[in-house]
Amino acid sequence: MFKNSIKIAIIPARSGSKRVPKKNIKFFFSKPLIAHTIIKLRKSKIFDHVIVSTDSKKIASISKKYGAEVPFLRPKNLSGDKPGTFQVIKHATNWLNKNGFCPEFVCCVYPTAVLLQTKDLKYGLKAIKTKKWNYVISATTFEHPIFRSFKKTTKGKIKLIYPKKVEKSTQNFENVYHDAGQFYWGKKESWLKRSKIIGPRSKMIPIPRWRTQDIDTMDDWEKAKIIFQLLKNKNK
């Protein structure tokens, strides 16, 4: 019944969240957090299917209510906080491939990506369709130059991580990026065979820093709400 699918979004949504309890289904404004992402993906009209990979019947039920498909529950060995994103998406891609979904391109989108913009997904799709890349990922710059970073030693002292660069002026530092925590486009074969999402065969879609916010703590949650509201007002 699911034949000739080309582009599939997979949202990895486990039940356990320690710092923000029940984060994926906690109400963010008027909807569960994951609902915003599901609605955004469906409205984008990019994907043939929007799939949620979860170990929770409650998350599955809520996801279906907002239009996602949950054709399986994630096995116990891929639940909890130890399995990485790659393992979860590989499992889902393999299941879909064996059960008639026939994906060509698979996009992992986090349930916390409430600031995600359709245009960025489209840029990523255009890049992955060239077949030059194994993955195309969202990325953004660090808020503060990492070349001025330091750590605390076991004796409580400060140790510079990049001592040779710390004296350079800020404007002379090269741009350094990190994962923006929104999406990873990948070819089906990449998810099934390769484990390095960030590597020499990966391309990035730069996202403005002000439009990104990972949600790991309640402070993150409040920041995401402010940016979300600003974007909503801007698009009115």
C-alpha atoms as a PDB file:
ATOM      1  CA  MET A   1       0.000   0.000   0.000  1.00  0.00           C
ATOM      2  CA  PHE A   2       3.003   2.321   0.338  1.00  0.00           C
ATOM      3  CA  LYS A   3       4.654   2.106  -3.068  1.00  0.00           C
ATOM      4  CA  ASN A   4       6.937   4.398  -5.024  1.00  0.00           C
ATOM      5  CA  SER A   5       7.655   6.726  -2.110  1.00  0.00           C
ATOM      6  CA  ILE A   6      10.681   8.891  -2.804  1.00  0.00           C
ATOM      7  CA  LYS A   7      11.052  11.418   0.036  1.00  0.00           C
ATOM      8  CA  ILE A   8      10.314  10.399   3.604  1.00  0.00           C
ATOM      9  CA  ALA A   9      10.666  12.408   6.806  1.00  0.00           C
ATOM     10  CA  ILE A  10      11.426  10.464   9.981  1.00  0.00           C
ATOM     11  CA  ILE A  11      10.923  12.131  13.362  1.00  0.00           C
ATOM     12  CA  PRO A  12      12.775  10.313  16.183  1.00  0.00           C
ATOM     13  CA  ALA A  13      10.714  10.812  19.353  1.00  0.00           C
ATOM     14  CA  ARG A  14      11.535   8.709  22.382  1.00  0.00           C
ATOM     15  CA  SER A  15       9.497   8.835  25.574  1.00  0.00           C
ATOM     16  CA  GLY A  16      12.255   9.487  28.104  1.00  0.00           C
ATOM     17  CA  SER A  17      13.384  13.082  28.606  1.00  0.00           C
ATOM     18  CA  LYS A  18      15.068  13.815  31.920  1.00  0.00           C
ATOM     19  CA  ARG A  19      15.734  17.572  31.908  1.00  0.00           C
ATOM     20  CA  VAL A  20      12.421  18.543  30.289  1.00  0.00           C
ATOM     21  CA  PRO A  21       9.971  15.788  31.319  1.00  0.00           C
ATOM     22  CA  LYS A  22       7.768  14.496  28.476  1.00  0.00           C
ATOM     23  CA  LYS A  23       9.405  17.100  26.250  1.00  0.00           C
ATOM     24  CA  ASN A  24       8.160  15.790  22.906  1.00  0.00           C
ATOM     25  CA  ILE A  25       4.496  16.007  23.910  1.00  0.00           C
ATOM     26  CA  LYS A  26       4.708  18.895  26.382  1.00  0.00           C
ATOM     27  CA  PHE A  27       2.427  21.717  25.231  1.00  0.00           C
ATOM     28  CA  PHE A  28       4.315  24.415  23.345  1.00  0.00           C
ATOM     29  CA  PHE A  29       1.805  27.234  23.025  1.00  0.00           C
ATOM     30  CA  SER A  30      -1.426  25.479  22.042  1.00  0.00           C
ATOM     31  CA  LYS A  31      -0.063  22.146  20.773  1.00  0.00           C
ATOM     32  CA  PRO A  32       2.266  19.325  21.816  1.00  0.00           C
ATOM     33  CA  LEU A  33       5.818  20.154  20.763  1.00  0.00           C
ATOM     34  CA  ILE A  34       6.002  17.355  18.197  1.00  0.00           C
ATOM     35  CA  ALA A  35       2.747  18.529  16.589  1.00  0.00           C
ATOM     36  CA  HIS A  36       4.366  21.754  15.365  1.00  0.00           C
ATOM     37  CA  THR A  37       7.053  19.776  13.541  1.00  0.00           C
ATOM     38  CA  ILE A  38       4.587  17.305  12.043  1.00  0.00           C
ATOM     39  CA  ILE A  39       2.346  20.105  10.778  1.00  0.00           C
ATOM     40  CA  LYS A  40       5.312  21.994   9.312  1.00  0.00           C
ATOM     41  CA  LEU A  41       6.509  18.910   7.418  1.00  0.00           C
ATOM     42  CA  ARG A  42       3.077  18.080   6.065  1.00  0.00           C
ATOM     43  CA  LYS A  43       2.406  21.658   4.967  1.00  0.00           C
ATOM     44  CA  SER A  44       5.754  21.788   3.173  1.00  0.00           C
ATOM     45  CA  LYS A  45       4.433  19.256   0.623  1.00  0.00           C
ATOM     46  CA  ILE A  46       7.982  17.963   0.275  1.00  0.00           C
ATOM     47  CA  PHE A  47       7.428  14.498   1.702  1.00  0.00           C
ATOM     48  CA  ASP A  48       5.471  11.492   0.542  1.00  0.00           C
ATOM     49  CA  HIS A  49       5.262  10.307   4.150  1.00  0.00           C
ATOM     50  CA  VAL A  50       5.958  11.810   7.561  1.00  0.00           C
ATOM     51  CA  ILE A  51       6.913   8.970   9.900  1.00  0.00           C
ATOM     52  CA  VAL A  52       7.409   9.064  13.661  1.00  0.00           C
ATOM     53  CA  SER A  53       9.783   6.540  15.213  1.00  0.00           C
ATOM     54  CA  THR A  54       8.871   6.188  18.889  1.00  0.00           C
ATOM     55  CA  ASP A  55       8.790   3.681  21.736  1.00  0.00           C
ATOM     56  CA  SER A  56       5.705   5.327  23.252  1.00  0.00           C
ATOM     57  CA  LYS A  57       2.073   4.501  22.479  1.00  0.00           C
ATOM     58  CA  LYS A  58       1.069   7.948  23.766  1.00  0.00           C
ATOM     59  CA  ILE A  59       3.504   9.750  21.458  1.00  0.00           C
ATOM     60  CA  ALA A  60       2.303   7.520  18.635  1.00  0.00           C
ATOM     61  CA  SER A  61      -1.325   8.426  19.296  1.00  0.00           C
ATOM     62  CA  ILE A  62      -0.601  12.168  19.438  1.00  0.00           C
ATOM     63  CA  SER A  63       1.532  11.967  16.290  1.00  0.00           C
ATOM     64  CA  LYS A  64      -1.250  10.252  14.370  1.00  0.00           C
ATOM     65  CA  LYS A  65      -3.736  12.877  15.547  1.00  0.00           C
ATOM     66  CA  TYR A  66      -1.671  15.576  13.839  1.00  0.00           C
ATOM     67  CA  GLY A  67      -1.189  13.653  10.613  1.00  0.00           C
ATOM     68  CA  ALA A  68       1.972  11.599  10.979  1.00  0.00           C
ATOM     69  CA  GLU A  69       2.229   7.864  10.362  1.00  0.00           C
ATOM     70  CA  VAL A  70       3.499   5.475  13.024  1.00  0.00           C
ATOM     71  CA  PRO A  71       3.693   2.100  11.286  1.00  0.00           C
ATOM     72  CA  PHE A  72       5.833   0.504  14.028  1.00  0.00           C
ATOM     73  CA  LEU A  73       6.940   1.034  17.613  1.00  0.00           C
ATOM     74  CA  ARG A  74      10.656   1.328  18.145  1.00  0.00           C
ATOM     75  CA  PRO A  75      12.224  -1.800  19.742  1.00  0.00           C
ATOM     76  CA  LYS A  76      13.468  -1.632  23.333  1.00  0.00           C
ATOM     77  CA  ASN A  77      17.140  -1.833  22.342  1.00  0.00           C
ATOM     78  CA  LEU A  78      16.702   1.482  20.495  1.00  0.00           C
ATOM     79  CA  SER A  79      14.812   3.207  23.310  1.00  0.00           C
ATOM     80  CA  GLY A  80      16.324   5.176  26.169  1.00  0.00           C
ATOM     81  CA  ASP A  81      19.060   7.789  25.889  1.00  0.00           C
ATOM     82  CA  LYS A  82      21.963   5.570  24.779  1.00  0.00           C
ATOM     83  CA  PRO A  83      21.158   4.803  21.107  1.00  0.00           C
ATOM     84  CA  GLY A  84      22.235   7.606  18.788  1.00  0.00           C
ATOM     85  CA  THR A  85      20.226   9.291  16.049  1.00  0.00           C
ATOM     86  CA  PHE A  86      21.963   7.325  13.315  1.00  0.00           C
ATOM     87  CA  GLN A  87      20.979   3.968  14.829  1.00  0.00           C
ATOM     88  CA  VAL A  88      17.344   5.047  15.159  1.00  0.00           C
ATOM     89  CA  ILE A  89      17.069   6.397  11.613  1.00  0.00           C
ATOM     90  CA  LYS A  90      18.908   3.388  10.193  1.00  0.00           C
ATOM     91  CA  HIS A  91      16.406   1.072  11.892  1.00  0.00           C
ATOM     92  CA  ALA A  92      13.451   3.099  10.600  1.00  0.00           C
ATOM     93  CA  THR A  93      14.854   3.316   7.071  1.00  0.00           C
ATOM     94  CA  ASN A  94      15.502  -0.416   7.010  1.00  0.00           C
ATOM     95  CA  TRP A  95      11.960  -1.152   8.259  1.00  0.00           C
ATOM     96  CA  LEU A  96      10.399   1.186   5.697  1.00  0.00           C
ATOM     97  CA  ASN A  97      12.513  -0.227   2.896  1.00  0.00           C
ATOM     98  CA  LYS A  98      11.390  -3.775   3.721  1.00  0.00           C
ATOM     99  CA  ASN A  99       7.722  -2.847   4.096  1.00  0.00           C
ATOM    100  CA  GLY A 100       6.909  -1.170   0.807  1.00  0.00           C
ATOM    101  CA  PHE A 101       7.675   2.506   1.480  1.00  0.00           C
ATOM    102  CA  CYS A 102      10.584   2.463  -1.029  1.00  0.00           C
ATOM    103  CA  PRO A 103      12.423   5.621   0.113  1.00  0.00           C
ATOM    104  CA  GLU A 104      15.047   7.236  -2.080  1.00  0.00           C
ATOM    105  CA  PHE A 105      15.818  10.140   0.237  1.00  0.00           C
ATOM    106  CA  VAL A 106      15.232  10.112   3.985  1.00  0.00           C
ATOM    107  CA  CYS A 107      15.219  13.248   6.117  1.00  0.00           C
ATOM    108  CA  CYS A 108      15.626  13.003   9.882  1.00  0.00           C
ATOM    109  CA  VAL A 109      13.832  15.922  11.532  1.00  0.00           C
ATOM    110  CA  TYR A 110      13.929  16.355  15.290  1.00  0.00           C
ATOM    111  CA  PRO A 111      10.602  16.803  17.119  1.00  0.00           C
ATOM    112  CA  THR A 112      12.123  19.864  18.807  1.00  0.00           C
ATOM    113  CA  ALA A 113      12.719  21.620  15.453  1.00  0.00           C
ATOM    114  CA  VAL A 114       9.863  24.087  15.984  1.00  0.00           C
ATOM    115  CA  LEU A 115      11.912  26.876  14.359  1.00  0.00           C
ATOM    116  CA  LEU A 116      12.415  24.856  11.175  1.00  0.00           C
ATOM    117  CA  GLN A 117      11.750  26.708   7.917  1.00  0.00           C
ATOM    118  CA  THR A 118      10.454  25.002   4.759  1.00  0.00           C
ATOM    119  CA  LYS A 119      12.935  26.893   2.582  1.00  0.00           C
ATOM    120  CA  ASP A 120      15.863  25.292   4.425  1.00  0.00           C
ATOM    121  CA  LEU A 121      14.427  21.819   3.881  1.00  0.00           C
ATOM    122  CA  LYS A 122      14.072  22.613   0.177  1.00  0.00           C
ATOM    123  CA  TYR A 123      17.678  23.802  -0.051  1.00  0.00           C
ATOM    124  CA  GLY A 124      18.710  20.542   1.570  1.00  0.00           C
ATOM    125  CA  LEU A 125      16.591  18.466  -0.797  1.00  0.00           C
ATOM    126  CA  LYS A 126      18.052  20.222  -3.830  1.00  0.00           C
ATOM    127  CA  ALA A 127      21.570  19.445  -2.602  1.00  0.00           C
ATOM    128  CA  ILE A 128      20.947  15.779  -1.731  1.00  0.00           C
ATOM    129  CA  LYS A 129      19.281  15.173  -5.111  1.00  0.00           C
ATOM    130  CA  THR A 130      22.554  15.987  -6.866  1.00  0.00           C
ATOM    131  CA  LYS A 131      23.840  12.657  -5.469  1.00  0.00           C
ATOM    132  CA  LYS A 132      27.161  14.350  -4.652  1.00  0.00           C
ATOM    133  CA  TRP A 133      26.587  14.041  -0.915  1.00  0.00           C
ATOM    134  CA  ASN A 134      25.787  11.284   1.550  1.00  0.00           C
ATOM    135  CA  TYR A 135      24.133  13.767   3.913  1.00  0.00           C
ATOM    136  CA  VAL A 136      22.998  17.391   3.875  1.00  0.00           C
ATOM    137  CA  ILE A 137      22.614  18.854   7.352  1.00  0.00           C
ATOM    138  CA  SER A 138      21.462  22.045   9.049  1.00  0.00           C
ATOM    139  CA  ALA A 139      24.303  23.977  10.679  1.00  0.00           C
ATOM    140  CA  THR A 140      24.915  27.266  12.423  1.00  0.00           C
ATOM    141  CA  THR A 141      27.853  29.231  13.819  1.00  0.00           C
ATOM    142  CA  PHE A 142      28.969  29.141  17.437  1.00  0.00           C
ATOM    143  CA  GLU A 143      27.706  32.035  19.543  1.00  0.00           C
ATOM    144  CA  HIS A 144      31.202  32.792  20.828  1.00  0.00           C
ATOM    145  CA  PRO A 145      34.538  32.021  19.118  1.00  0.00           C
ATOM    146  CA  ILE A 146      35.561  28.505  20.130  1.00  0.00           C
ATOM    147  CA  PHE A 147      39.212  29.527  19.790  1.00  0.00           C
ATOM    148  CA  ARG A 148      38.834  31.428  23.052  1.00  0.00           C
ATOM    149  CA  SER A 149      37.433  28.384  24.838  1.00  0.00           C
ATOM    150  CA  PHE A 150      39.027  26.836  27.905  1.00  0.00           C
ATOM    151  CA  LYS A 151      38.365  24.040  30.365  1.00  0.00           C
ATOM    152  CA  LYS A 152      38.813  23.449  34.066  1.00  0.00           C
ATOM    153  CA  THR A 153      41.579  21.055  35.044  1.00  0.00           C
ATOM    154  CA  THR A 154      41.323  18.480  37.825  1.00  0.00           C
ATOM    155  CA  LYS A 155      43.102  21.028  40.060  1.00  0.00           C
ATOM    156  CA  GLY A 156      40.517  23.703  39.314  1.00  0.00           C
ATOM    157  CA  LYS A 157      42.784  25.759  37.062  1.00  0.00           C
ATOM    158  CA  ILE A 158      41.911  27.147  33.630  1.00  0.00           C
ATOM    159  CA  LYS A 159      43.513  25.538  30.579  1.00  0.00           C
ATOM    160  CA  LEU A 160      43.176  27.093  27.139  1.00  0.00           C
ATOM    161  CA  ILE A 161      42.131  24.683  24.390  1.00  0.00           C
ATOM    162  CA  TYR A 162      43.598  26.776  21.538  1.00  0.00           C
ATOM    163  CA  PRO A 163      46.469  28.694  23.229  1.00  0.00           C
ATOM    164  CA  LYS A 164      48.064  29.699  19.907  1.00  0.00           C
ATOM    165  CA  LYS A 165      44.914  31.418  18.651  1.00  0.00           C
ATOM    166  CA  VAL A 166      43.504  33.059  21.743  1.00  0.00           C
ATOM    167  CA  GLU A 167      45.324  36.382  21.198  1.00  0.00           C
ATOM    168  CA  LYS A 168      43.869  36.895  17.693  1.00  0.00           C
ATOM    169  CA  SER A 169      41.164  39.549  17.341  1.00  0.00           C
ATOM    170  CA  THR A 170      37.617  38.240  16.956  1.00  0.00           C
ATOM    171  CA  GLN A 171      37.206  39.490  13.376  1.00  0.00           C
ATOM    172  CA  ASN A 172      40.208  37.416  12.286  1.00  0.00           C
ATOM    173  CA  PHE A 173      38.738  34.102  13.416  1.00  0.00           C
ATOM    174  CA  GLU A 174      37.350  31.889  10.669  1.00  0.00           C
ATOM    175  CA  ASN A 175      33.696  30.872  10.896  1.00  0.00           C
ATOM    176  CA  VAL A 176      33.222  27.584  12.715  1.00  0.00           C
ATOM    177  CA  TYR A 177      29.923  25.719  12.598  1.00  0.00           C
ATOM    178  CA  HIS A 178      28.057  23.115  14.612  1.00  0.00           C
ATOM    179  CA  ASP A 179      24.996  20.945  14.073  1.00  0.00           C
ATOM    180  CA  ALA A 180      21.890  23.145  14.269  1.00  0.00           C
ATOM    181  CA  GLY A 181      19.757  20.238  15.508  1.00  0.00           C
ATOM    182  CA  GLN A 182      17.019  20.633  12.907  1.00  0.00           C
ATOM    183  CA  PHE A 183      17.398  18.145  10.051  1.00  0.00           C
ATOM    184  CA  TYR A 184      19.637  15.667   8.230  1.00  0.00           C
ATOM    185  CA  TRP A 185      18.845  14.745   4.631  1.00  0.00           C
ATOM    186  CA  GLY A 186      20.412  11.459   3.540  1.00  0.00           C
ATOM    187  CA  LYS A 187      20.281   9.020   0.687  1.00  0.00           C
ATOM    188  CA  LYS A 188      18.692   5.733   1.689  1.00  0.00           C
ATOM    189  CA  GLU A 189      22.011   3.956   1.134  1.00  0.00           C
ATOM    190  CA  SER A 190      23.776   6.411   3.433  1.00  0.00           C
ATOM    191  CA  TRP A 191      21.451   5.645   6.348  1.00  0.00           C
ATOM    192  CA  LEU A 192      21.702   1.911   5.759  1.00  0.00           C
ATOM    193  CA  LYS A 193      25.463   1.649   5.293  1.00  0.00           C
ATOM    194  CA  ARG A 194      27.260   4.664   6.765  1.00  0.00           C
ATOM    195  CA  SER A 195      27.422   5.902  10.345  1.00  0.00           C
ATOM    196  CA  LYS A 196      29.137   9.288  10.023  1.00  0.00           C
ATOM    197  CA  ILE A 197      26.495  11.951   9.444  1.00  0.00           C
ATOM    198  CA  ILE A 198      29.101  14.710   9.714  1.00  0.00           C
ATOM    199  CA  GLY A 199      32.041  13.976   7.429  1.00  0.00           C
ATOM    200  CA  PRO A 200      33.779  14.792   4.117  1.00  0.00           C
ATOM    201  CA  ARG A 201      30.744  13.659   2.093  1.00  0.00           C
ATOM    202  CA  SER A 202      28.353  15.908   4.008  1.00  0.00           C
ATOM    203  CA  LYS A 203      27.154  19.349   2.965  1.00  0.00           C
ATOM    204  CA  MET A 204      25.690  21.960   5.290  1.00  0.00           C
ATOM    205  CA  ILE A 205      22.759  24.319   4.942  1.00  0.00           C
ATOM    206  CA  PRO A 206      23.684  27.365   7.076  1.00  0.00           C
ATOM    207  CA  ILE A 207      20.902  28.508   9.404  1.00  0.00           C
ATOM    208  CA  PRO A 208      21.082  31.977  11.045  1.00  0.00           C
ATOM    209  CA  ARG A 209      22.036  31.551  14.691  1.00  0.00           C
ATOM    210  CA  TRP A 210      19.031  33.540  15.914  1.00  0.00           C
ATOM    211  CA  ARG A 211      16.720  31.029  14.183  1.00  0.00           C
ATOM    212  CA  THR A 212      18.089  27.960  15.936  1.00  0.00           C
ATOM    213  CA  GLN A 213      17.503  26.678  19.445  1.00  0.00           C
ATOM    214  CA  ASP A 214      18.070  23.156  20.673  1.00  0.00           C
ATOM    215  CA  ILE A 215      15.695  22.281  23.508  1.00  0.00           C
ATOM    216  CA  ASP A 216      17.483  20.388  26.279  1.00  0.00           C
ATOM    217  CA  THR A 217      16.599  22.504  29.319  1.00  0.00           C
ATOM    218  CA  MET A 218      13.747  24.724  30.461  1.00  0.00           C
ATOM    219  CA  ASP A 219      15.910  27.765  29.632  1.00  0.00           C
ATOM    220  CA  ASP A 220      16.134  26.442  26.060  1.00  0.00           C
ATOM    221  CA  TRP A 221      12.371  25.933  26.084  1.00  0.00           C
ATOM    222  CA  GLU A 222      11.719  29.556  27.028  1.00  0.00           C
ATOM    223  CA  LYS A 223      14.172  30.870  24.428  1.00  0.00           C
ATOM    224  CA  ALA A 224      12.513  28.737  21.740  1.00  0.00           C
ATOM    225  CA  LYS A 225       9.118  30.194  22.697  1.00  0.00           C
ATOM    226  CA  ILE A 226      10.392  33.757  22.254  1.00  0.00           C
ATOM    227  CA  ILE A 227      11.918  33.050  18.826  1.00  0.00           C
ATOM    228  CA  PHE A 228       8.871  31.058  17.725  1.00  0.00           C
ATOM    229  CA  GLN A 229       6.589  33.981  18.593  1.00  0.00           C
ATOM    230  CA  LEU A 230       8.850  36.448  16.797  1.00  0.00           C
ATOM    231  CA  LEU A 231       8.781  34.309  13.657  1.00  0.00           C
ATOM    232  CA  LYS A 232       5.026  33.982  13.897  1.00  0.00           C
ATOM    233  CA  ASN A 233       4.605  37.754  14.158  1.00  0.00           C
ATOM    234  CA  LYS A 234       7.048  38.327  11.299  1.00  0.00           C
ATOM    235  CA  ASN A 235       5.109  36.008   8.982  1.00  0.00           C
ATOM    236  CA  LYS A 236       1.699  37.578   9.668  1.00  0.00           C
END
